Structures are given as structure tokens and as C-alpha cells.
Amino acid sequence: RDGGHPPVTDIPGLQAAIRDYIAARAIPAGGWVI
């Protein structure tokens, strides 16, 4: 809900938002994604 990314309106969009977040934060293998 923070408005810092495109609105998530479907499951592919949610998957893309999570994928982009992992890349932006450089979350390593084994890390947590909340």
C-alpha cells in the first residue's frame, strides 16, 4: 500500500513486485522476504 510501486492488481503483478523487491534489496538465497 505504500504507493512506491505500480498497483498490484493480479497475481502476475504480485509476483513481479516481489521479484523486483528481492532484486532491489539484494536479498540473498536463504533470506526472508516479508
PDB file of all heavy atoms in Angstrom:
ATOM      1  N   ARG A   1       0.806  -1.219   0.000  1.00  0.00           N
ATOM      2  CA  ARG A   1       0.000   0.000   0.000  1.00  0.00           C
ATOM      3  C   ARG A   1       0.842   1.274   0.000  1.00  0.00           C
ATOM      4  O   ARG A   1       0.297   2.362   0.070  1.00  0.00           O
ATOM      5  CB  ARG A   1      -0.893   0.034   1.245  1.00  0.00           C
ATOM      6  CG  ARG A   1      -2.177  -0.755   1.147  1.00  0.00           C
ATOM      7  CD  ARG A   1      -3.013  -0.497   2.379  1.00  0.00           C
ATOM      8  NE  ARG A   1      -4.242  -1.278   2.393  1.00  0.00           N
ATOM      9  CZ  ARG A   1      -4.906  -1.573   3.494  1.00  0.00           C
ATOM     10  NH1 ARG A   1      -4.463  -1.172   4.678  1.00  0.00           N
ATOM     11  NH2 ARG A   1      -6.027  -2.278   3.444  1.00  0.00           N
ATOM     12  N   ASP A   2       2.154   1.166  -0.059  1.00  0.00           N
ATOM     13  CA  ASP A   2       2.964   2.363   0.156  1.00  0.00           C
ATOM     14  C   ASP A   2       3.021   3.300  -1.038  1.00  0.00           C
ATOM     15  O   ASP A   2       3.519   4.414  -0.929  1.00  0.00           O
ATOM     16  CB  ASP A   2       4.382   1.991   0.606  1.00  0.00           C
ATOM     17  CG  ASP A   2       5.234   1.378  -0.513  1.00  0.00           C
ATOM     18  OD1 ASP A   2       4.737   1.220  -1.646  1.00  0.00           O
ATOM     19  OD2 ASP A   2       6.401   1.049  -0.236  1.00  0.00           O
ATOM     20  N   GLY A   3       2.517   2.884  -2.199  1.00  0.00           N
ATOM     21  CA  GLY A   3       2.475   3.776  -3.357  1.00  0.00           C
ATOM     22  C   GLY A   3       3.796   3.938  -4.066  1.00  0.00           C
ATOM     23  O   GLY A   3       3.895   4.689  -5.043  1.00  0.00           O
ATOM     24  N   GLY A   4       4.837   3.255  -3.599  1.00  0.00           N
ATOM     25  CA  GLY A   4       6.153   3.389  -4.214  1.00  0.00           C
ATOM     26  C   GLY A   4       6.376   2.486  -5.398  1.00  0.00           C
ATOM     27  O   GLY A   4       7.477   2.450  -5.955  1.00  0.00           O
ATOM     28  N   HIS A   5       5.363   1.732  -5.776  1.00  0.00           N
ATOM     29  CA  HIS A   5       5.479   0.830  -6.916  1.00  0.00           C
ATOM     30  C   HIS A   5       4.121   0.773  -7.606  1.00  0.00           C
ATOM     31  O   HIS A   5       3.108   1.199  -7.039  1.00  0.00           O
ATOM     32  CB  HIS A   5       5.919  -0.561  -6.472  1.00  0.00           C
ATOM     33  CG  HIS A   5       5.156  -1.089  -5.289  1.00  0.00           C
ATOM     34  ND1 HIS A   5       3.849  -1.509  -5.379  1.00  0.00           N
ATOM     35  CD2 HIS A   5       5.510  -1.223  -3.989  1.00  0.00           C
ATOM     36  CE1 HIS A   5       3.429  -1.893  -4.186  1.00  0.00           C
ATOM     37  NE2 HIS A   5       4.412  -1.725  -3.331  1.00  0.00           N
ATOM     38  N   PRO A   6       4.046   0.263  -8.817  1.00  0.00           N
ATOM     39  CA  PRO A   6       2.748   0.191  -9.505  1.00  0.00           C
ATOM     40  C   PRO A   6       1.746  -0.621  -8.688  1.00  0.00           C
ATOM     41  O   PRO A   6       2.125  -1.567  -7.985  1.00  0.00           O
ATOM     42  CB  PRO A   6       3.090  -0.517 -10.821  1.00  0.00           C
ATOM     43  CG  PRO A   6       4.550  -0.270 -11.023  1.00  0.00           C
ATOM     44  CD  PRO A   6       5.157  -0.231  -9.665  1.00  0.00           C
ATOM     45  N   PRO A   7       0.466  -0.265  -8.759  1.00  0.00           N
ATOM     46  CA  PRO A   7      -0.556  -1.018  -8.018  1.00  0.00           C
ATOM     47  C   PRO A   7      -0.547  -2.488  -8.418  1.00  0.00           C
ATOM     48  O   PRO A   7      -0.371  -2.825  -9.597  1.00  0.00           O
ATOM     49  CB  PRO A   7      -1.862  -0.334  -8.431  1.00  0.00           C
ATOM     50  CG  PRO A   7      -1.468   1.020  -8.903  1.00  0.00           C
ATOM     51  CD  PRO A   7      -0.109   0.870  -9.506  1.00  0.00           C
ATOM     52  N   VAL A   8      -0.725  -3.346  -7.441  1.00  0.00           N
ATOM     53  CA  VAL A   8      -0.792  -4.781  -7.688  1.00  0.00           C
ATOM     54  C   VAL A   8      -2.257  -5.164  -7.884  1.00  0.00           C
ATOM     55  O   VAL A   8      -3.065  -5.039  -6.969  1.00  0.00           O
ATOM     56  CB  VAL A   8      -0.174  -5.569  -6.523  1.00  0.00           C
ATOM     57  CG1 VAL A   8      -0.434  -7.057  -6.688  1.00  0.00           C
ATOM     58  CG2 VAL A   8       1.324  -5.299  -6.441  1.00  0.00           C
ATOM     59  N   THR A   9      -2.599  -5.616  -9.070  1.00  0.00           N
ATOM     60  CA  THR A   9      -3.993  -5.905  -9.394  1.00  0.00           C
ATOM     61  C   THR A   9      -4.243  -7.366  -9.758  1.00  0.00           C
ATOM     62  O   THR A   9      -5.387  -7.764  -9.936  1.00  0.00           O
ATOM     63  CB  THR A   9      -4.468  -5.018 -10.559  1.00  0.00           C
ATOM     64  OG1 THR A   9      -3.633  -5.260 -11.698  1.00  0.00           O
ATOM     65  CG2 THR A   9      -4.399  -3.547 -10.184  1.00  0.00           C
ATOM     66  N   ASP A  10      -3.178  -8.149  -9.906  1.00  0.00           N
ATOM     67  CA  ASP A  10      -3.363  -9.556 -10.228  1.00  0.00           C
ATOM     68  C   ASP A  10      -2.154 -10.341  -9.725  1.00  0.00           C
ATOM     69  O   ASP A  10      -1.167  -9.765  -9.241  1.00  0.00           O
ATOM     70  CB  ASP A  10      -3.602  -9.773 -11.722  1.00  0.00           C
ATOM     71  CG  ASP A  10      -2.496  -9.201 -12.603  1.00  0.00           C
ATOM     72  OD1 ASP A  10      -1.364  -9.000 -12.099  1.00  0.00           O
ATOM     73  OD2 ASP A  10      -2.748  -8.950 -13.788  1.00  0.00           O
ATOM     74  N   ILE A  11      -2.223 -11.651  -9.836  1.00  0.00           N
ATOM     75  CA  ILE A  11      -1.158 -12.499  -9.307  1.00  0.00           C
ATOM     76  C   ILE A  11       0.160 -12.313 -10.064  1.00  0.00           C
ATOM     77  O   ILE A  11       1.221 -12.206  -9.415  1.00  0.00           O
ATOM     78  CB  ILE A  11      -1.625 -13.973  -9.280  1.00  0.00           C
ATOM     79  CG1 ILE A  11      -2.658 -14.131  -8.140  1.00  0.00           C
ATOM     80  CG2 ILE A  11      -0.442 -14.925  -9.081  1.00  0.00           C
ATOM     81  CD1 ILE A  11      -3.347 -15.465  -8.097  1.00  0.00           C
ATOM     82  N   PRO A  12       0.175 -12.218 -11.389  1.00  0.00           N
ATOM     83  CA  PRO A  12       1.459 -11.924 -12.059  1.00  0.00           C
ATOM     84  C   PRO A  12       2.070 -10.602 -11.591  1.00  0.00           C
ATOM     85  O   PRO A  12       3.290 -10.494 -11.440  1.00  0.00           O
ATOM     86  CB  PRO A  12       1.088 -11.880 -13.545  1.00  0.00           C
ATOM     87  CG  PRO A  12      -0.107 -12.791 -13.648  1.00  0.00           C
ATOM     88  CD  PRO A  12      -0.879 -12.558 -12.378  1.00  0.00           C
ATOM     89  N   GLY A  13       1.217  -9.615 -11.342  1.00  0.00           N
ATOM     90  CA  GLY A  13       1.720  -8.340 -10.846  1.00  0.00           C
ATOM     91  C   GLY A  13       2.307  -8.463  -9.450  1.00  0.00           C
ATOM     92  O   GLY A  13       3.316  -7.820  -9.124  1.00  0.00           O
ATOM     93  N   LEU A  14       1.681  -9.292  -8.608  1.00  0.00           N
ATOM     94  CA  LEU A  14       2.211  -9.520  -7.262  1.00  0.00           C
ATOM     95  C   LEU A  14       3.550 -10.248  -7.347  1.00  0.00           C
ATOM     96  O   LEU A  14       4.509  -9.905  -6.625  1.00  0.00           O
ATOM     97  CB  LEU A  14       1.208 -10.326  -6.444  1.00  0.00           C
ATOM     98  CG  LEU A  14       1.620 -10.715  -5.021  1.00  0.00           C
ATOM     99  CD1 LEU A  14       2.022  -9.493  -4.199  1.00  0.00           C
ATOM    100  CD2 LEU A  14       0.465 -11.467  -4.333  1.00  0.00           C
ATOM    101  N   GLN A  15       3.620 -11.241  -8.219  1.00  0.00           N
ATOM    102  CA  GLN A  15       4.893 -11.956  -8.400  1.00  0.00           C
ATOM    103  C   GLN A  15       5.993 -10.994  -8.860  1.00  0.00           C
ATOM    104  O   GLN A  15       7.127 -11.044  -8.366  1.00  0.00           O
ATOM    105  CB  GLN A  15       4.730 -13.091  -9.412  1.00  0.00           C
ATOM    106  CG  GLN A  15       3.877 -14.244  -8.928  1.00  0.00           C
ATOM    107  CD  GLN A  15       3.630 -15.260 -10.025  1.00  0.00           C
ATOM    108  OE1 GLN A  15       3.143 -14.916 -11.111  1.00  0.00           O
ATOM    109  NE2 GLN A  15       3.973 -16.514  -9.760  1.00  0.00           N
ATOM    110  N   ALA A  16       5.662 -10.099  -9.775  1.00  0.00           N
ATOM    111  CA  ALA A  16       6.653  -9.145 -10.284  1.00  0.00           C
ATOM    112  C   ALA A  16       7.103  -8.190  -9.185  1.00  0.00           C
ATOM    113  O   ALA A  16       8.294  -7.855  -9.082  1.00  0.00           O
ATOM    114  CB  ALA A  16       6.065  -8.367 -11.459  1.00  0.00           C
ATOM    115  N   ALA A  17       6.158  -7.734  -8.347  1.00  0.00           N
ATOM    116  CA  ALA A  17       6.505  -6.813  -7.260  1.00  0.00           C
ATOM    117  C   ALA A  17       7.464  -7.472  -6.275  1.00  0.00           C
ATOM    118  O   ALA A  17       8.425  -6.849  -5.803  1.00  0.00           O
ATOM    119  CB  ALA A  17       5.240  -6.345  -6.547  1.00  0.00           C
ATOM    120  N   ILE A  18       7.212  -8.747  -5.963  1.00  0.00           N
ATOM    121  CA  ILE A  18       8.098  -9.464  -5.037  1.00  0.00           C
ATOM    122  C   ILE A  18       9.468  -9.669  -5.671  1.00  0.00           C
ATOM    123  O   ILE A  18      10.510  -9.482  -5.030  1.00  0.00           O
ATOM    124  CB  ILE A  18       7.471 -10.812  -4.630  1.00  0.00           C
ATOM    125  CG1 ILE A  18       6.153 -10.578  -3.888  1.00  0.00           C
ATOM    126  CG2 ILE A  18       8.435 -11.607  -3.757  1.00  0.00           C
ATOM    127  CD1 ILE A  18       5.359 -11.848  -3.622  1.00  0.00           C
ATOM    128  N   ARG A  19       9.475 -10.040  -6.957  1.00  0.00           N
ATOM    129  CA  ARG A  19      10.748 -10.261  -7.655  1.00  0.00           C
ATOM    130  C   ARG A  19      11.580  -8.973  -7.698  1.00  0.00           C
ATOM    131  O   ARG A  19      12.789  -8.980  -7.437  1.00  0.00           O
ATOM    132  CB  ARG A  19      10.446 -10.769  -9.068  1.00  0.00           C
ATOM    133  CG  ARG A  19      11.628 -11.364  -9.788  1.00  0.00           C
ATOM    134  CD  ARG A  19      11.222 -11.937 -11.140  1.00  0.00           C
ATOM    135  NE  ARG A  19      10.417 -13.155 -11.010  1.00  0.00           N
ATOM    136  CZ  ARG A  19       9.124 -13.253 -11.332  1.00  0.00           C
ATOM    137  NH1 ARG A  19       8.486 -12.184 -11.801  1.00  0.00           N
ATOM    138  NH2 ARG A  19       8.470 -14.375 -11.194  1.00  0.00           N
ATOM    139  N   ASP A  20      10.909  -7.843  -7.979  1.00  0.00           N
ATOM    140  CA  ASP A  20      11.607  -6.555  -8.031  1.00  0.00           C
ATOM    141  C   ASP A  20      12.137  -6.173  -6.645  1.00  0.00           C
ATOM    142  O   ASP A  20      13.239  -5.611  -6.520  1.00  0.00           O
ATOM    143  CB  ASP A  20      10.676  -5.462  -8.539  1.00  0.00           C
ATOM    144  CG  ASP A  20      10.325  -5.622 -10.014  1.00  0.00           C
ATOM    145  OD1 ASP A  20      11.008  -6.411 -10.708  1.00  0.00           O
ATOM    146  OD2 ASP A  20       9.365  -4.966 -10.464  1.00  0.00           O
ATOM    147  N   TYR A  21      11.355  -6.452  -5.617  1.00  0.00           N
ATOM    148  CA  TYR A  21      11.767  -6.128  -4.255  1.00  0.00           C
ATOM    149  C   TYR A  21      13.014  -6.927  -3.857  1.00  0.00           C
ATOM    150  O   TYR A  21      13.959  -6.386  -3.272  1.00  0.00           O
ATOM    151  CB  TYR A  21      10.616  -6.423  -3.293  1.00  0.00           C
ATOM    152  CG  TYR A  21      10.962  -6.318  -1.834  1.00  0.00           C
ATOM    153  CD1 TYR A  21      11.077  -5.083  -1.207  1.00  0.00           C
ATOM    154  CD2 TYR A  21      11.180  -7.468  -1.074  1.00  0.00           C
ATOM    155  CE1 TYR A  21      11.391  -4.982   0.141  1.00  0.00           C
ATOM    156  CE2 TYR A  21      11.495  -7.385   0.282  1.00  0.00           C
ATOM    157  CZ  TYR A  21      11.603  -6.141   0.876  1.00  0.00           C
ATOM    158  OH  TYR A  21      11.923  -6.059   2.208  1.00  0.00           O
ATOM    159  N   ILE A  22      13.031  -8.207  -4.193  1.00  0.00           N
ATOM    160  CA  ILE A  22      14.195  -9.051  -3.887  1.00  0.00           C
ATOM    161  C   ILE A  22      15.440  -8.502  -4.582  1.00  0.00           C
ATOM    162  O   ILE A  22      16.523  -8.411  -3.985  1.00  0.00           O
ATOM    163  CB  ILE A  22      13.933 -10.508  -4.314  1.00  0.00           C
ATOM    164  CG1 ILE A  22      12.844 -11.126  -3.421  1.00  0.00           C
ATOM    165  CG2 ILE A  22      15.216 -11.331  -4.247  1.00  0.00           C
ATOM    166  CD1 ILE A  22      12.382 -12.494  -3.904  1.00  0.00           C
ATOM    167  N   ALA A  23      15.277  -8.086  -5.833  1.00  0.00           N
ATOM    168  CA  ALA A  23      16.418  -7.560  -6.582  1.00  0.00           C
ATOM    169  C   ALA A  23      16.891  -6.231  -6.010  1.00  0.00           C
ATOM    170  O   ALA A  23      18.095  -5.998  -5.851  1.00  0.00           O
ATOM    171  CB  ALA A  23      16.040  -7.409  -8.058  1.00  0.00           C
ATOM    172  N   ALA A  24      15.933  -5.347  -5.692  1.00  0.00           N
ATOM    173  CA  ALA A  24      16.291  -4.020  -5.182  1.00  0.00           C
ATOM    174  C   ALA A  24      16.985  -4.104  -3.839  1.00  0.00           C
ATOM    175  O   ALA A  24      17.897  -3.319  -3.546  1.00  0.00           O
ATOM    176  CB  ALA A  24      15.038  -3.149  -5.085  1.00  0.00           C
ATOM    177  N   ARG A  25      16.569  -5.052  -3.008  1.00  0.00           N
ATOM    178  CA  ARG A  25      17.162  -5.207  -1.678  1.00  0.00           C
ATOM    179  C   ARG A  25      18.326  -6.197  -1.666  1.00  0.00           C
ATOM    180  O   ARG A  25      18.946  -6.378  -0.621  1.00  0.00           O
ATOM    181  CB  ARG A  25      16.089  -5.675  -0.687  1.00  0.00           C
ATOM    182  CG  ARG A  25      14.987  -4.659  -0.412  1.00  0.00           C
ATOM    183  CD  ARG A  25      15.543  -3.400   0.220  1.00  0.00           C
ATOM    184  NE  ARG A  25      14.521  -2.406   0.499  1.00  0.00           N
ATOM    185  CZ  ARG A  25      14.068  -2.136   1.723  1.00  0.00           C
ATOM    186  NH1 ARG A  25      14.536  -2.804   2.770  1.00  0.00           N
ATOM    187  NH2 ARG A  25      13.146  -1.208   1.896  1.00  0.00           N
ATOM    188  N   ALA A  26      18.582  -6.807  -2.797  1.00  0.00           N
ATOM    189  CA  ALA A  26      19.665  -7.790  -2.901  1.00  0.00           C
ATOM    190  C   ALA A  26      19.554  -8.840  -1.802  1.00  0.00           C
ATOM    191  O   ALA A  26      20.540  -9.172  -1.130  1.00  0.00           O
ATOM    192  CB  ALA A  26      21.026  -7.095  -2.853  1.00  0.00           C
ATOM    193  N   ILE A  27      18.354  -9.378  -1.623  1.00  0.00           N
ATOM    194  CA  ILE A  27      18.128 -10.383  -0.583  1.00  0.00           C
ATOM    195  C   ILE A  27      18.769 -11.689  -1.035  1.00  0.00           C
ATOM    196  O   ILE A  27      18.451 -12.221  -2.101  1.00  0.00           O
ATOM    197  CB  ILE A  27      16.617 -10.573  -0.331  1.00  0.00           C
ATOM    198  CG1 ILE A  27      16.018  -9.263   0.183  1.00  0.00           C
ATOM    199  CG2 ILE A  27      16.370 -11.707   0.671  1.00  0.00           C
ATOM    200  CD1 ILE A  27      14.512  -9.282   0.329  1.00  0.00           C
ATOM    201  N   PRO A  28      19.675 -12.221  -0.249  1.00  0.00           N
ATOM    202  CA  PRO A  28      20.425 -13.406  -0.696  1.00  0.00           C
ATOM    203  C   PRO A  28      19.603 -14.678  -0.574  1.00  0.00           C
ATOM    204  O   PRO A  28      18.549 -14.712   0.077  1.00  0.00           O
ATOM    205  CB  PRO A  28      21.609 -13.431   0.275  1.00  0.00           C
ATOM    206  CG  PRO A  28      21.070 -12.825   1.531  1.00  0.00           C
ATOM    207  CD  PRO A  28      20.112 -11.750   1.083  1.00  0.00           C
ATOM    208  N   ALA A  29      20.092 -15.728  -1.166  1.00  0.00           N
ATOM    209  CA  ALA A  29      19.467 -17.050  -1.013  1.00  0.00           C
ATOM    210  C   ALA A  29      19.416 -17.395   0.469  1.00  0.00           C
ATOM    211  O   ALA A  29      20.381 -17.170   1.208  1.00  0.00           O
ATOM    212  CB  ALA A  29      20.257 -18.089  -1.788  1.00  0.00           C
ATOM    213  N   GLY A  30      18.271 -17.937   0.891  1.00  0.00           N
ATOM    214  CA  GLY A  30      18.080 -18.268   2.298  1.00  0.00           C
ATOM    215  C   GLY A  30      17.505 -17.134   3.110  1.00  0.00           C
ATOM    216  O   GLY A  30      17.110 -17.332   4.268  1.00  0.00           O
ATOM    217  N   GLY A  31      17.450 -15.924   2.535  1.00  0.00           N
ATOM    218  CA  GLY A  31      16.933 -14.763   3.258  1.00  0.00           C
ATOM    219  C   GLY A  31      15.412 -14.744   3.316  1.00  0.00           C
ATOM    220  O   GLY A  31      14.734 -15.504   2.617  1.00  0.00           O
ATOM    221  N   TRP A  32      14.900 -13.846   4.171  1.00  0.00           N
ATOM    222  CA  TRP A  32      13.453 -13.709   4.345  1.00  0.00           C
ATOM    223  C   TRP A  32      12.923 -12.566   3.490  1.00  0.00           C
ATOM    224  O   TRP A  32      13.541 -11.496   3.404  1.00  0.00           O
ATOM    225  CB  TRP A  32      13.110 -13.446   5.802  1.00  0.00           C
ATOM    226  CG  TRP A  32      13.240 -14.651   6.685  1.00  0.00           C
ATOM    227  CD1 TRP A  32      14.369 -15.098   7.306  1.00  0.00           C
ATOM    228  CD2 TRP A  32      12.187 -15.549   7.057  1.00  0.00           C
ATOM    229  NE1 TRP A  32      14.102 -16.229   8.041  1.00  0.00           N
ATOM    230  CE2 TRP A  32      12.761 -16.531   7.910  1.00  0.00           C
ATOM    231  CE3 TRP A  32      10.827 -15.641   6.765  1.00  0.00           C
ATOM    232  CZ2 TRP A  32      12.028 -17.576   8.460  1.00  0.00           C
ATOM    233  CZ3 TRP A  32      10.084 -16.670   7.308  1.00  0.00           C
ATOM    234  CH2 TRP A  32      10.680 -17.627   8.138  1.00  0.00           C
ATOM    235  N   VAL A  33      11.733 -12.774   2.922  1.00  0.00           N
ATOM    236  CA  VAL A  33      11.029 -11.758   2.138  1.00  0.00           C
ATOM    237  C   VAL A  33       9.644 -11.600   2.758  1.00  0.00           C
ATOM    238  O   VAL A  33       8.807 -12.510   2.672  1.00  0.00           O
ATOM    239  CB  VAL A  33      10.905 -12.164   0.654  1.00  0.00           C
ATOM    240  CG1 VAL A  33      10.205 -11.067  -0.128  1.00  0.00           C
ATOM    241  CG2 VAL A  33      12.274 -12.483   0.070  1.00  0.00           C
ATOM    242  N   ILE A  34       9.423 -10.448   3.405  1.00  0.00           N
ATOM    243  CA  ILE A  34       8.152 -10.216   4.099  1.00  0.00           C
ATOM    244  C   ILE A  34       7.329  -9.231   3.289  1.00  0.00           C
ATOM    245  O   ILE A  34       7.769  -8.106   3.008  1.00  0.00           O
ATOM    246  CB  ILE A  34       8.382  -9.646   5.519  1.00  0.00           C
ATOM    247  CG1 ILE A  34       9.426 -10.483   6.274  1.00  0.00           C
ATOM    248  CG2 ILE A  34       7.066  -9.597   6.272  1.00  0.00           C
ATOM    249  CD1 ILE A  34       9.031 -11.920   6.491  1.00  0.00           C
TER     250      ILE A  34
END
